[in-house]
N, C-alpha and C. Protein backbone atom coordinates (compact mmCIF):
# COMPACT_ATOMS: atom_id res chain seq x y z
N MET A 1 8.03 -9.95 -33.27
CA MET A 1 7.15 -10.42 -31.98
C MET A 1 6.44 -8.97 -31.45
N SER A 2 5.37 -8.86 -31.43
CA SER A 2 4.67 -7.60 -30.95
C SER A 2 4.59 -7.64 -29.24
N ALA A 3 4.96 -6.68 -28.54
CA ALA A 3 5.01 -6.26 -27.30
C ALA A 3 3.84 -7.40 -26.64
N GLU A 4 2.52 -7.18 -27.36
CA GLU A 4 1.58 -7.93 -26.29
C GLU A 4 2.16 -9.45 -26.32
N ALA A 5 2.49 -10.08 -27.23
CA ALA A 5 2.83 -11.34 -27.30
C ALA A 5 3.91 -11.98 -26.47
N ARG A 6 4.74 -10.97 -25.91
CA ARG A 6 5.95 -11.40 -25.02
C ARG A 6 5.57 -12.10 -23.49
N THR A 7 6.22 -13.06 -23.48
CA THR A 7 6.21 -13.81 -22.06
C THR A 7 7.18 -13.37 -21.37
N LEU A 8 7.40 -13.71 -19.99
CA LEU A 8 8.42 -13.30 -19.06
C LEU A 8 9.49 -13.61 -19.69
N GLY A 9 9.78 -14.87 -20.01
CA GLY A 9 10.91 -15.65 -20.81
C GLY A 9 11.65 -15.09 -21.69
N ASP A 10 10.81 -13.89 -22.39
CA ASP A 10 11.08 -13.11 -23.71
C ASP A 10 12.06 -12.11 -23.60
N PHE A 11 11.97 -11.64 -21.85
CA PHE A 11 12.75 -10.45 -21.77
C PHE A 11 14.03 -10.75 -21.17
N PRO A 12 15.29 -9.95 -21.61
CA PRO A 12 16.77 -10.31 -21.18
C PRO A 12 16.85 -10.12 -19.82
N GLU A 13 16.14 -9.42 -19.11
CA GLU A 13 16.38 -9.21 -17.67
C GLU A 13 14.99 -8.69 -17.18
N ILE A 14 14.98 -8.97 -15.74
CA ILE A 14 13.60 -9.00 -15.11
C ILE A 14 13.84 -8.03 -13.69
N ALA A 15 12.85 -6.96 -13.52
CA ALA A 15 12.96 -6.29 -12.32
C ALA A 15 11.97 -6.98 -11.42
N ILE A 16 12.18 -6.94 -10.03
CA ILE A 16 11.14 -7.34 -9.18
C ILE A 16 10.89 -6.07 -8.38
N VAL A 17 9.78 -5.80 -8.07
CA VAL A 17 9.65 -4.60 -7.15
C VAL A 17 8.86 -4.86 -6.10
N LEU A 18 9.19 -4.91 -4.94
CA LEU A 18 8.89 -5.18 -3.53
C LEU A 18 7.80 -3.95 -2.93
N GLY A 19 6.76 -4.60 -2.78
CA GLY A 19 5.62 -3.72 -1.93
C GLY A 19 6.29 -3.22 -0.36
N ALA A 20 5.65 -2.11 -0.09
CA ALA A 20 6.04 -1.74 1.25
C ALA A 20 4.94 -1.50 1.99
N GLY A 21 3.66 -2.19 1.86
CA GLY A 21 2.55 -2.01 2.70
C GLY A 21 1.53 -1.08 2.34
N LEU A 22 0.67 -1.04 3.00
CA LEU A 22 -0.81 -0.09 2.58
C LEU A 22 -0.98 0.68 3.76
N GLU A 23 -1.56 1.48 3.67
CA GLU A 23 -2.21 2.45 4.61
C GLU A 23 -3.49 1.89 5.23
N ASP A 24 -3.91 2.17 6.72
CA ASP A 24 -5.21 1.44 7.16
C ASP A 24 -6.12 1.68 6.40
N ASP A 25 -6.32 2.58 5.63
CA ASP A 25 -7.27 2.78 4.62
C ASP A 25 -7.25 1.97 3.14
N GLY A 26 -6.49 1.32 3.10
CA GLY A 26 -6.09 0.28 1.97
C GLY A 26 -5.04 1.00 0.64
N THR A 27 -5.01 2.37 1.04
CA THR A 27 -4.25 2.79 0.29
C THR A 27 -2.67 2.48 0.07
N PRO A 28 -2.07 2.69 -0.97
CA PRO A 28 -0.51 2.19 -0.73
C PRO A 28 0.43 3.42 -0.18
N THR A 29 1.33 2.52 0.61
CA THR A 29 2.11 3.83 1.54
C THR A 29 3.04 4.61 0.45
N ASP A 30 3.64 5.71 0.95
CA ASP A 30 4.72 6.27 0.20
C ASP A 30 5.67 5.42 -0.31
N THR A 31 6.26 4.59 0.64
CA THR A 31 7.37 4.01 0.20
C THR A 31 7.01 2.84 -0.48
N THR A 32 5.80 2.26 -0.70
CA THR A 32 5.40 1.40 -1.91
C THR A 32 5.05 2.30 -3.30
N LEU A 33 4.66 3.47 -3.09
CA LEU A 33 4.85 4.34 -4.47
C LEU A 33 5.92 4.74 -4.72
N ALA A 34 6.90 4.83 -4.06
CA ALA A 34 8.46 5.25 -4.68
C ALA A 34 9.06 4.08 -5.01
N ARG A 35 8.64 2.99 -4.63
CA ARG A 35 9.46 1.82 -5.24
C ARG A 35 9.00 1.51 -6.86
N ALA A 36 7.73 1.80 -7.15
CA ALA A 36 7.08 1.81 -8.13
C ALA A 36 7.58 2.94 -9.01
N ASP A 37 7.84 3.95 -8.42
CA ASP A 37 8.19 5.14 -9.36
C ASP A 37 9.60 4.90 -9.92
N ALA A 38 10.60 4.28 -8.92
CA ALA A 38 12.05 3.80 -9.32
C ALA A 38 12.05 2.74 -10.30
N ALA A 39 11.06 1.80 -10.23
CA ALA A 39 10.92 0.59 -11.37
C ALA A 39 10.40 1.45 -12.77
N ALA A 40 9.80 2.33 -12.71
CA ALA A 40 9.12 3.07 -13.98
C ALA A 40 10.36 3.65 -14.54
N SER A 41 10.92 4.45 -13.76
CA SER A 41 11.97 5.28 -14.55
C SER A 41 13.16 3.65 -15.16
N LEU A 42 13.41 2.87 -14.18
CA LEU A 42 13.98 1.65 -14.91
C LEU A 42 13.76 1.26 -15.82
N ALA A 43 12.65 1.05 -16.23
CA ALA A 43 11.82 0.27 -17.32
C ALA A 43 11.79 1.39 -18.48
N HIS A 44 12.09 2.71 -18.45
CA HIS A 44 12.11 3.51 -19.67
C HIS A 44 13.46 3.40 -20.39
N GLY A 45 14.45 2.82 -19.57
CA GLY A 45 15.77 2.93 -20.00
C GLY A 45 16.02 1.32 -20.52
N ARG A 46 15.44 0.46 -20.28
CA ARG A 46 15.98 -0.95 -20.67
C ARG A 46 14.69 -1.88 -20.92
N ASP A 47 15.10 -2.78 -21.64
CA ASP A 47 14.05 -3.83 -22.23
C ASP A 47 14.07 -4.87 -21.05
N ILE A 48 13.08 -4.49 -20.19
CA ILE A 48 12.84 -5.13 -18.79
C ILE A 48 11.86 -5.44 -18.60
N ALA A 49 11.36 -6.70 -18.04
CA ALA A 49 10.00 -7.01 -17.50
C ALA A 49 10.01 -6.56 -16.13
N LEU A 50 8.78 -6.40 -15.76
CA LEU A 50 8.66 -5.96 -14.24
C LEU A 50 7.64 -6.87 -13.39
N ILE A 51 8.06 -7.41 -12.54
CA ILE A 51 7.21 -8.46 -11.62
C ILE A 51 6.96 -7.43 -10.43
N VAL A 52 5.96 -7.32 -10.12
CA VAL A 52 5.28 -6.17 -8.80
C VAL A 52 5.15 -7.34 -7.74
N SER A 53 5.34 -7.17 -6.62
CA SER A 53 5.31 -8.25 -5.53
C SER A 53 4.86 -7.91 -4.39
N GLY A 54 3.79 -8.37 -3.83
CA GLY A 54 3.08 -8.26 -2.58
C GLY A 54 1.74 -7.81 -2.32
N SER A 55 1.09 -8.53 -1.25
CA SER A 55 -0.11 -8.47 -0.87
C SER A 55 -0.39 -7.24 0.06
N HIS A 56 0.16 -7.47 1.16
CA HIS A 56 -0.12 -6.39 2.35
C HIS A 56 0.61 -6.72 3.60
N GLY A 57 0.88 -6.11 4.30
CA GLY A 57 1.49 -6.56 5.39
C GLY A 57 0.61 -7.19 6.72
N ASP A 58 0.15 -6.76 7.73
CA ASP A 58 -0.15 -7.66 8.71
C ASP A 58 -1.74 -6.91 8.63
N GLY A 59 -2.76 -8.02 9.17
CA GLY A 59 -4.26 -7.59 9.26
C GLY A 59 -4.99 -8.09 8.02
N PRO A 60 -6.45 -8.11 7.59
CA PRO A 60 -6.93 -8.75 6.88
C PRO A 60 -6.68 -8.43 5.37
N THR A 61 -6.71 -9.38 4.64
CA THR A 61 -6.45 -9.07 3.12
C THR A 61 -6.98 -7.91 2.49
N PRO A 62 -6.82 -6.88 2.13
CA PRO A 62 -7.47 -5.75 1.62
C PRO A 62 -8.22 -6.21 0.15
N GLU A 63 -9.08 -5.28 -0.36
CA GLU A 63 -9.61 -5.31 -1.84
C GLU A 63 -8.56 -5.39 -2.84
N ARG A 64 -7.70 -4.29 -2.65
CA ARG A 64 -6.63 -4.17 -3.48
C ARG A 64 -5.10 -4.43 -3.11
N SER A 65 -4.36 -5.27 -3.69
CA SER A 65 -2.91 -5.54 -3.17
C SER A 65 -1.82 -4.20 -3.51
N GLU A 66 -0.82 -4.55 -2.77
CA GLU A 66 0.27 -3.63 -3.16
C GLU A 66 0.71 -3.85 -4.61
N ALA A 67 0.67 -5.15 -4.97
CA ALA A 67 1.00 -5.37 -6.42
C ALA A 67 -0.06 -4.30 -7.15
N TYR A 68 -0.95 -4.60 -7.17
CA TYR A 68 -1.87 -3.96 -7.84
C TYR A 68 -1.83 -2.54 -8.10
N PHE A 69 -1.40 -1.86 -6.87
CA PHE A 69 -1.22 -0.36 -6.85
C PHE A 69 0.30 -0.14 -7.39
N MET A 70 0.97 -1.05 -7.25
CA MET A 70 2.22 -0.58 -8.24
C MET A 70 1.95 -0.73 -9.58
N ALA A 71 1.31 -1.69 -9.86
CA ALA A 71 1.02 -1.83 -11.45
C ALA A 71 0.24 -0.91 -12.05
N GLU A 72 -0.72 -0.48 -11.13
CA GLU A 72 -1.33 0.88 -11.75
C GLU A 72 -0.42 1.98 -11.93
N ARG A 73 0.38 2.23 -10.96
CA ARG A 73 1.36 3.10 -11.07
C ARG A 73 2.11 3.24 -12.08
N LEU A 74 2.98 2.06 -12.46
CA LEU A 74 3.45 1.76 -13.65
C LEU A 74 3.10 2.26 -14.97
N VAL A 75 1.78 1.83 -15.21
CA VAL A 75 1.10 2.12 -16.23
C VAL A 75 1.05 3.29 -16.29
N ALA A 76 0.30 4.18 -15.29
CA ALA A 76 0.23 5.79 -15.33
C ALA A 76 1.58 6.47 -15.57
N LYS A 77 2.85 5.62 -15.16
CA LYS A 77 4.14 6.35 -15.54
C LYS A 77 4.49 5.92 -17.12
N GLY A 78 3.63 5.54 -17.62
CA GLY A 78 3.71 5.01 -19.19
C GLY A 78 4.49 3.77 -19.38
N VAL A 79 4.48 2.61 -18.59
CA VAL A 79 4.95 1.48 -18.76
C VAL A 79 3.64 0.85 -19.33
N ALA A 80 3.87 -0.28 -20.26
CA ALA A 80 3.06 -1.05 -20.83
C ALA A 80 2.47 -2.11 -20.07
N ARG A 81 1.34 -2.47 -19.89
CA ARG A 81 0.87 -3.58 -19.22
C ARG A 81 1.77 -4.52 -19.49
N SER A 82 1.74 -5.17 -20.88
CA SER A 82 2.17 -6.14 -21.30
C SER A 82 3.55 -6.47 -20.69
N ARG A 83 4.21 -5.70 -20.05
CA ARG A 83 5.59 -5.77 -19.34
C ARG A 83 5.32 -6.10 -17.98
N ILE A 84 4.16 -5.94 -17.38
CA ILE A 84 4.13 -6.04 -15.87
C ILE A 84 3.28 -7.40 -15.37
N PHE A 85 3.84 -8.16 -14.62
CA PHE A 85 3.73 -9.38 -14.00
C PHE A 85 3.36 -9.20 -12.63
N LEU A 86 2.15 -9.69 -12.04
CA LEU A 86 1.83 -9.45 -10.47
C LEU A 86 2.02 -10.87 -9.68
N GLU A 87 2.60 -10.68 -8.55
CA GLU A 87 2.63 -11.65 -7.55
C GLU A 87 1.94 -11.12 -6.44
N ASP A 88 0.74 -11.27 -5.95
CA ASP A 88 -0.08 -10.65 -5.07
C ASP A 88 -0.48 -11.42 -3.81
N GLU A 89 0.34 -12.40 -3.23
CA GLU A 89 -0.10 -13.29 -2.11
C GLU A 89 0.99 -12.88 -0.79
N SER A 90 2.54 -12.48 -1.56
CA SER A 90 2.98 -12.49 -0.34
C SER A 90 3.05 -11.20 0.65
N ARG A 91 3.64 -11.58 1.95
CA ARG A 91 3.19 -10.48 2.80
C ARG A 91 4.44 -10.20 3.40
N ASP A 92 5.48 -10.44 3.26
CA ASP A 92 6.90 -10.33 3.61
C ASP A 92 7.90 -10.52 2.69
N THR A 93 9.35 -10.15 2.83
CA THR A 93 10.34 -10.11 1.79
C THR A 93 10.75 -11.79 1.59
N VAL A 94 10.72 -12.43 2.43
CA VAL A 94 10.88 -13.91 2.17
C VAL A 94 10.01 -14.66 1.39
N ALA A 95 8.53 -14.38 1.59
CA ALA A 95 7.56 -14.76 1.00
C ALA A 95 7.60 -14.01 -0.56
N ASN A 96 7.84 -12.88 -0.81
CA ASN A 96 8.13 -11.92 -2.00
C ASN A 96 9.34 -12.89 -2.89
N ALA A 97 10.28 -13.38 -2.37
CA ALA A 97 11.12 -14.04 -3.26
C ALA A 97 10.58 -15.22 -3.29
N ALA A 98 10.30 -16.35 -2.31
CA ALA A 98 9.91 -17.45 -2.67
C ALA A 98 8.56 -17.55 -3.44
N LEU A 99 7.56 -16.69 -3.64
CA LEU A 99 6.53 -16.98 -4.28
C LEU A 99 6.89 -16.36 -5.89
N VAL A 100 7.52 -15.43 -5.73
CA VAL A 100 8.12 -14.69 -7.41
C VAL A 100 8.79 -16.12 -7.89
N ALA A 101 9.65 -16.68 -7.42
CA ALA A 101 10.45 -17.65 -7.67
C ALA A 101 9.30 -18.98 -8.05
N GLU A 102 8.60 -19.21 -7.41
CA GLU A 102 7.65 -20.32 -7.53
C GLU A 102 6.96 -20.31 -8.80
N ARG A 103 6.41 -18.95 -8.62
CA ARG A 103 5.50 -18.54 -9.92
C ARG A 103 5.93 -18.49 -11.37
N TYR A 104 7.10 -17.69 -11.19
CA TYR A 104 7.56 -16.99 -12.58
C TYR A 104 8.97 -17.55 -13.00
N LEU A 105 9.83 -17.73 -11.90
CA LEU A 105 11.42 -17.73 -12.25
C LEU A 105 11.55 -19.42 -12.39
N ALA A 106 10.86 -20.41 -11.62
CA ALA A 106 11.40 -21.54 -11.78
C ALA A 106 11.20 -22.19 -13.25
N SER A 107 10.48 -21.71 -14.07
CA SER A 107 10.33 -22.17 -15.23
C SER A 107 11.12 -21.64 -16.25
N ILE A 108 11.82 -20.81 -16.12
CA ILE A 108 12.70 -20.02 -16.94
C ILE A 108 14.01 -20.07 -16.92
N THR A 109 15.06 -19.64 -17.92
CA THR A 109 16.29 -19.80 -17.59
C THR A 109 16.88 -18.45 -16.91
N PRO A 110 17.81 -18.72 -15.78
CA PRO A 110 18.29 -17.62 -15.30
C PRO A 110 18.75 -16.49 -16.11
N ARG A 111 18.61 -15.48 -15.55
CA ARG A 111 18.98 -13.90 -16.27
C ARG A 111 19.24 -12.85 -15.23
N PRO A 112 19.80 -11.81 -15.49
CA PRO A 112 19.96 -10.62 -14.43
C PRO A 112 18.51 -10.34 -14.07
N LEU A 113 18.57 -10.40 -12.95
CA LEU A 113 17.50 -9.74 -11.78
C LEU A 113 17.62 -8.68 -11.27
N VAL A 114 16.97 -7.44 -11.48
CA VAL A 114 17.15 -6.31 -10.42
C VAL A 114 15.96 -6.10 -9.26
N ILE A 115 16.34 -6.09 -8.28
CA ILE A 115 15.50 -5.97 -6.91
C ILE A 115 15.71 -4.40 -6.68
N VAL A 116 14.15 -3.83 -6.97
CA VAL A 116 13.74 -2.60 -6.57
C VAL A 116 13.12 -2.44 -5.24
N THR A 117 13.85 -1.59 -4.37
CA THR A 117 13.31 -1.69 -3.15
C THR A 117 14.07 -0.37 -2.68
N SER A 118 13.59 -0.07 -1.33
CA SER A 118 14.31 1.42 -0.74
C SER A 118 15.52 1.15 -0.17
N PRO A 119 16.48 2.20 0.13
CA PRO A 119 17.50 2.20 0.31
C PRO A 119 17.77 1.09 1.91
N PHE A 120 17.02 1.25 2.59
CA PHE A 120 16.93 0.84 4.37
C PHE A 120 16.67 -0.54 3.86
N HIS A 121 16.30 -1.28 2.95
CA HIS A 121 15.85 -2.67 2.73
C HIS A 121 16.58 -3.46 1.65
N ILE A 122 17.29 -2.67 1.08
CA ILE A 122 18.14 -3.18 -0.06
C ILE A 122 18.89 -4.52 0.18
N ALA A 123 19.78 -4.43 1.35
CA ALA A 123 20.55 -5.49 1.86
C ALA A 123 19.99 -6.57 2.31
N ARG A 124 19.04 -6.56 3.01
CA ARG A 124 18.06 -7.85 3.40
C ARG A 124 17.59 -8.46 2.00
N ALA A 125 16.83 -7.57 1.36
CA ALA A 125 16.09 -7.90 -0.07
C ALA A 125 16.98 -8.79 -0.51
N LEU A 126 18.31 -8.33 -1.00
CA LEU A 126 19.39 -9.07 -1.98
C LEU A 126 19.80 -10.31 -1.40
N ALA A 127 20.01 -10.52 -0.01
CA ALA A 127 20.26 -11.52 0.78
C ALA A 127 19.39 -12.69 0.81
N ILE A 128 18.04 -12.15 0.77
CA ILE A 128 17.04 -13.06 0.89
C ILE A 128 16.88 -13.57 -0.63
N PHE A 129 16.89 -12.73 -1.60
CA PHE A 129 16.78 -13.28 -2.87
C PHE A 129 17.97 -14.49 -3.43
N ALA A 130 19.03 -13.92 -2.84
CA ALA A 130 20.41 -14.96 -2.98
C ALA A 130 20.05 -16.27 -2.24
N MET A 131 19.31 -16.08 -0.93
CA MET A 131 18.97 -17.28 -0.30
C MET A 131 18.21 -18.26 -1.34
N VAL A 132 17.09 -17.79 -1.45
CA VAL A 132 15.95 -18.52 -2.21
C VAL A 132 16.43 -18.99 -3.82
N LEU A 133 17.10 -18.07 -4.51
CA LEU A 133 17.23 -18.38 -5.74
C LEU A 133 18.64 -19.08 -6.09
N GLY A 134 19.72 -19.21 -5.16
CA GLY A 134 21.13 -19.48 -5.30
C GLY A 134 21.73 -18.93 -6.48
N PRO A 135 22.84 -19.49 -6.26
CA PRO A 135 23.74 -18.66 -7.47
C PRO A 135 23.59 -18.40 -8.68
N SER A 136 22.60 -19.09 -9.32
CA SER A 136 22.29 -19.24 -10.97
C SER A 136 21.90 -17.72 -11.57
N TRP A 137 21.19 -16.93 -10.46
CA TRP A 137 20.55 -15.76 -10.83
C TRP A 137 21.34 -14.61 -10.42
N PRO A 138 21.98 -13.91 -11.25
CA PRO A 138 22.90 -12.73 -11.03
C PRO A 138 21.91 -11.57 -10.45
N LEU A 139 22.05 -10.86 -9.38
CA LEU A 139 21.08 -9.82 -8.80
C LEU A 139 21.97 -8.59 -8.84
N GLU A 140 21.08 -7.50 -8.78
CA GLU A 140 21.58 -6.18 -8.60
C GLU A 140 20.61 -5.60 -7.93
N GLY A 141 20.64 -4.42 -7.18
CA GLY A 141 20.00 -3.49 -6.53
C GLY A 141 19.42 -2.31 -7.22
N ARG A 142 18.40 -1.91 -7.16
CA ARG A 142 17.87 -0.52 -7.72
C ARG A 142 17.18 0.20 -6.56
N LEU A 143 17.76 1.33 -6.27
CA LEU A 143 17.14 1.87 -5.21
C LEU A 143 16.16 2.96 -5.49
N ALA A 144 14.84 2.90 -4.48
CA ALA A 144 13.85 4.00 -4.64
C ALA A 144 14.52 5.12 -3.76
N GLY A 145 13.59 6.28 -4.16
CA GLY A 145 13.68 7.19 -3.35
C GLY A 145 13.32 7.29 -1.90
N ARG A 146 13.96 7.85 -0.97
CA ARG A 146 13.71 7.88 0.72
C ARG A 146 12.41 8.40 0.66
N THR A 147 11.68 7.93 1.59
CA THR A 147 10.32 8.75 2.20
C THR A 147 10.39 8.86 3.64
N GLY A 148 9.44 9.70 4.10
CA GLY A 148 9.42 9.63 5.53
C GLY A 148 9.17 8.52 6.40
N GLN A 149 8.83 7.57 5.95
CA GLN A 149 8.29 6.25 6.46
C GLN A 149 9.46 5.43 6.56
N ASP A 150 10.50 5.59 5.85
CA ASP A 150 11.73 4.63 5.80
C ASP A 150 12.47 4.54 7.28
N GLU A 151 12.94 5.68 7.73
CA GLU A 151 13.72 5.78 9.13
C GLU A 151 13.12 4.71 9.98
N ALA A 152 11.89 4.67 10.44
CA ALA A 152 11.23 3.76 11.50
C ALA A 152 11.21 2.52 11.04
N ARG A 153 11.51 2.07 9.98
CA ARG A 153 11.94 0.76 9.37
C ARG A 153 13.29 0.21 9.56
N GLU A 154 14.26 1.10 9.44
CA GLU A 154 15.55 0.61 9.41
C GLU A 154 15.89 -0.15 10.67
N ALA A 155 15.78 0.24 11.70
CA ALA A 155 15.77 -0.71 12.89
C ALA A 155 15.63 -2.17 12.92
N THR A 156 14.87 -2.67 12.05
CA THR A 156 14.22 -4.05 12.23
C THR A 156 14.78 -4.94 11.20
N GLU A 157 15.60 -4.22 10.25
CA GLU A 157 16.49 -5.09 9.01
C GLU A 157 16.98 -6.42 9.68
N THR A 158 18.16 -5.93 10.38
CA THR A 158 18.72 -7.19 10.78
C THR A 158 17.96 -8.44 11.72
N LEU A 159 16.96 -7.89 12.47
CA LEU A 159 16.14 -8.98 12.91
C LEU A 159 15.60 -9.72 11.89
N TYR A 160 14.97 -9.01 10.96
CA TYR A 160 14.02 -9.75 9.85
C TYR A 160 14.80 -10.81 9.11
N LEU A 161 16.27 -10.23 8.61
CA LEU A 161 17.00 -11.09 7.99
C LEU A 161 17.41 -12.38 8.82
N GLY A 162 17.73 -12.12 10.26
CA GLY A 162 17.81 -13.43 11.09
C GLY A 162 16.57 -14.50 11.03
N HIS A 163 15.37 -13.72 10.96
CA HIS A 163 14.30 -14.61 10.85
C HIS A 163 14.11 -15.22 9.64
N ALA A 164 14.32 -14.60 8.85
CA ALA A 164 14.34 -15.37 7.29
C ALA A 164 15.49 -16.26 6.92
N ARG A 165 16.69 -16.32 7.52
CA ARG A 165 17.72 -17.04 7.84
C ARG A 165 17.26 -18.56 8.62
N ALA A 166 16.81 -18.13 9.63
CA ALA A 166 15.90 -19.20 10.71
C ALA A 166 14.95 -19.98 9.87
N LEU A 167 14.11 -19.26 9.11
CA LEU A 167 12.94 -20.13 8.36
C LEU A 167 13.65 -20.85 7.36
N LEU A 168 14.44 -20.46 6.56
CA LEU A 168 14.97 -21.43 5.47
C LEU A 168 16.25 -22.27 5.68
N GLU A 169 16.69 -22.20 7.03
CA GLU A 169 17.74 -23.06 7.52
C GLU A 169 17.21 -24.49 6.95
N GLY A 170 18.53 -25.28 6.57
CA GLY A 170 18.69 -26.66 6.31
C GLY A 170 17.80 -26.90 5.00
N ILE A 171 17.70 -25.66 4.41
CA ILE A 171 16.98 -25.80 2.77
C ILE A 171 18.43 -25.48 1.94
N THR A 172 18.65 -26.20 0.97
CA THR A 172 19.52 -25.69 -0.20
C THR A 172 19.16 -24.64 -0.80
N ARG A 173 20.33 -23.43 -1.11
CA ARG A 173 19.58 -22.37 -1.63
C ARG A 173 19.42 -22.75 -3.26
N GLY A 174 18.28 -22.22 -3.56
CA GLY A 174 17.79 -22.55 -5.16
C GLY A 174 17.02 -23.66 -5.08
N ASP A 175 16.71 -24.29 -4.03
CA ASP A 175 15.26 -25.23 -3.88
C ASP A 175 14.11 -24.70 -3.76
N ILE A 176 13.73 -23.94 -4.73
CA ILE A 176 12.66 -23.01 -4.61
C ILE A 176 11.28 -23.94 -4.40
N ALA A 177 10.99 -25.23 -4.88
CA ALA A 177 9.98 -26.19 -4.19
C ALA A 177 9.76 -26.05 -2.79
N ARG A 178 10.73 -26.48 -2.34
CA ARG A 178 10.94 -26.53 -0.67
C ARG A 178 10.64 -25.30 -0.04
N ILE A 179 11.69 -24.22 -0.65
CA ILE A 179 11.56 -23.00 0.20
C ILE A 179 9.85 -22.52 0.07
N ALA A 180 9.26 -22.51 -1.07
CA ALA A 180 8.00 -22.10 -1.09
C ALA A 180 6.97 -22.88 -0.14
N ALA A 181 7.44 -23.88 -0.17
CA ALA A 181 6.52 -24.95 0.74
C ALA A 181 6.69 -24.55 2.24
N ARG A 182 7.88 -24.18 2.45
CA ARG A 182 7.98 -23.87 3.93
C ARG A 182 7.51 -22.68 4.35
N VAL A 183 7.56 -21.74 3.43
CA VAL A 183 6.95 -20.27 3.68
C VAL A 183 5.40 -20.34 3.71
N ARG A 184 4.97 -21.24 2.88
CA ARG A 184 3.56 -21.45 2.98
C ARG A 184 2.95 -22.00 4.11
N ALA A 185 3.89 -23.08 5.08
CA ALA A 185 3.77 -23.71 6.29
C ALA A 185 3.67 -22.96 7.17
N ARG A 186 4.09 -21.63 7.03
CA ARG A 186 4.05 -21.08 8.44
C ARG A 186 2.90 -20.97 9.11
N ALA A 187 2.61 -20.82 10.28
CA ALA A 187 1.14 -20.49 10.85
C ALA A 187 0.61 -19.36 10.47
N ASP A 188 1.08 -18.10 10.04
CA ASP A 188 0.63 -17.11 10.07
C ASP A 188 0.49 -16.76 8.38
N TYR A 189 0.65 -17.66 7.63
CA TYR A 189 0.57 -17.73 6.14
C TYR A 189 -0.74 -18.26 5.88
N PRO A 190 -1.47 -17.11 4.83
CA PRO A 190 -2.79 -17.74 4.29
C PRO A 190 -2.58 -18.90 3.12
N THR A 191 -3.44 -19.65 3.04
CA THR A 191 -3.62 -20.95 1.87
C THR A 191 -3.61 -19.78 0.45
N PRO A 192 -3.04 -20.52 -0.27
CA PRO A 192 -2.85 -19.73 -1.71
C PRO A 192 -4.10 -19.57 -2.40
N ARG A 193 -4.66 -18.33 -3.15
CA ARG A 193 -5.74 -18.17 -3.88
C ARG A 193 -5.48 -19.04 -5.10
N ARG A 194 -6.61 -19.58 -5.50
CA ARG A 194 -6.79 -20.20 -6.81
C ARG A 194 -7.27 -19.07 -7.84
N ARG A 195 -6.57 -19.39 -8.97
CA ARG A 195 -6.72 -18.26 -10.07
C ARG A 195 -7.67 -18.93 -11.34
C-alpha cells in the first residue's frame, strides 16, 4: 500500500498535536511551533499519523489556523503530508479532544494515542482526553520543548481543568457525540464550518 493511499485507520498509532495559540499578527506562537517540532521528532522514529488540532484562542477567526501552521512546520521538517490530518475548529483543550474524537476517532478502532503538548499542559491535556475518549484509548504524553511563553500559562492549568470537568459533568466518558454536542453548544463556540 502506498503512503498516499493510507487512511488514519491504517496507522498503528496516532499522535494529536495541540495548538497553543497565535500571535496578534496571526503567526503561530513559539509554543505552537515547539509542539509541532516535538511531533516531527516523534514522526521520524515511528509509523504514526499526526492530527494537528487547533483554530485559535480568543478573538476573530484568523486567515490561517494553528493546525495549518503546525502542518506546514511538520512538512518543512520532512513529515509527509499524507501522514498529517487537520482539525482546525477547536479553540481550547476540551474542544481539541471532543472535535478530534468526533471527526477522526469515533469511526476507527481504538489504538495508542500520543498527546503532544507542552510540559505545563500535559497533565490537563491527558486528563481531558481521558474524559472525552474513555478507557478504550491508551494515552501517552510527548513533551515539547519549553518556551518563554510557558511560565505565564502554568498558573491557569488547574482552573481550566476544573472548567472542563464542569462542562462534561453528567456525560459518560467516551460518549463522543454528546461531549462534542455540549462543546459546540457553549455560548462562546462558533457554528462548525462546512467542508
